[in-house]
Each structure stands twice: as C-alpha cells, then as structure tokens.
Amino acid sequence: MDAADIIREIEALPEEEKRKVMDFVLCLAQQRFEEAQIRIACERLDDYDKGLEEGIPHEEAMRLLREN
C-alpha cells in the first residue's frame, strides 16, 4: 500500500472518522516537530559545550524560544 492508497482509504471514510484520522495525523506531525526541535536544541548545547558555538544573552534566548 502506497501513500495514494492510504489517501484514498482516508477519503472513503465517513466524515467523523476522517476528522479523527486527520486530527491524529496532525498530532503526530506536531509531536515529530517538537522532537526535532528538542534534538536540535541538544545538538546546539553540545556544540556550545565544545566551544563550537557562541553563547547568546538570556533575553535573546528567551525571545527565540517564544518565537518557536
């Protein structure tokens, strides 16, 4: 089964079931995005510890976190 088959299966579902599937997929996408952001933050902290990245002021760090 490829992506086109899966999309056809989802489109064939009743509206309520289709909404549940889409909500689940959106939740997974958000979770993966958050996991990627955490991984990137850990990599940057490792780089900082190794002296490969300069530190930034606390206020700037908080602003960047709020934007994402």
Protein backbone atom coordinates (compact mmCIF):
# COMPACT_ATOMS: atom_id res chain seq x y z
CA MET A 1 0.00 0.00 0.00
CA ASP A 2 1.48 3.35 -1.00
CA ALA A 3 0.59 6.91 0.02
CA ALA A 4 -2.03 7.28 -2.73
CA ASP A 5 -3.81 4.13 -1.50
CA ILE A 6 -3.80 5.43 2.06
CA ILE A 7 -5.20 8.79 0.97
CA ARG A 8 -7.98 7.04 -0.96
CA GLU A 9 -8.80 4.95 2.12
CA ILE A 10 -8.98 8.06 4.30
CA GLU A 11 -11.12 9.92 1.76
CA ALA A 12 -13.56 6.98 1.69
CA LEU A 13 -14.15 7.18 5.45
CA PRO A 14 -17.25 8.83 6.93
CA GLU A 15 -16.64 12.48 7.85
CA GLU A 16 -16.37 11.82 11.60
CA GLU A 17 -13.80 9.05 11.11
CA LYS A 18 -11.93 11.15 8.55
CA ARG A 19 -11.74 14.01 11.08
CA LYS A 20 -10.37 11.63 13.74
CA VAL A 21 -7.70 10.34 11.37
CA MET A 22 -6.69 13.87 10.34
CA ASP A 23 -6.55 15.00 13.99
CA PHE A 24 -4.32 12.03 14.78
CA VAL A 25 -2.03 12.77 11.83
CA LEU A 26 -1.77 16.44 12.82
CA CYS A 27 -0.94 15.41 16.39
CA LEU A 28 1.81 13.11 15.10
CA ALA A 29 3.21 15.87 12.91
CA GLN A 30 3.28 18.28 15.88
CA GLN A 31 4.95 15.66 18.05
CA ARG A 32 7.63 14.98 15.42
CA PHE A 33 8.24 18.72 15.03
CA GLU A 34 8.68 19.10 18.79
CA GLU A 35 11.03 16.10 18.91
CA ALA A 36 13.09 17.62 16.11
CA GLN A 37 13.27 20.95 17.96
CA ILE A 38 14.48 19.18 21.11
CA ARG A 39 17.10 17.24 19.11
CA ILE A 40 18.34 20.48 17.51
CA ALA A 41 18.49 22.20 20.90
CA CYS A 42 20.52 19.29 22.33
CA GLU A 43 22.92 19.41 19.38
CA ARG A 44 23.37 23.15 19.83
CA LEU A 45 24.04 22.71 23.55
CA ASP A 46 26.65 20.05 22.73
CA ASP A 47 28.24 22.42 20.20
CA TYR A 48 28.23 25.18 22.82
CA ASP A 49 29.89 22.87 25.36
CA LYS A 50 32.55 22.03 22.76
CA GLY A 51 33.15 25.72 22.10
CA LEU A 52 31.82 25.50 18.56
CA GLU A 53 29.00 27.95 19.15
CA GLU A 54 28.97 31.28 20.92
CA GLY A 55 26.64 31.91 23.81
CA ILE A 56 23.79 34.35 23.47
CA PRO A 57 22.31 36.60 26.13
CA HIS A 58 19.44 35.19 28.19
CA GLU A 59 16.97 37.76 26.84
CA GLU A 60 17.79 36.82 23.25
CA ALA A 61 17.47 33.11 24.03
CA MET A 62 14.05 33.65 25.62
CA ARG A 63 12.90 35.70 22.62
CA LEU A 64 13.97 32.93 20.24
CA LEU A 65 12.19 30.30 22.32
CA ARG A 66 8.98 32.33 22.37
CA GLU A 67 9.04 32.76 18.59
CA ASN A 68 9.13 28.99 18.06
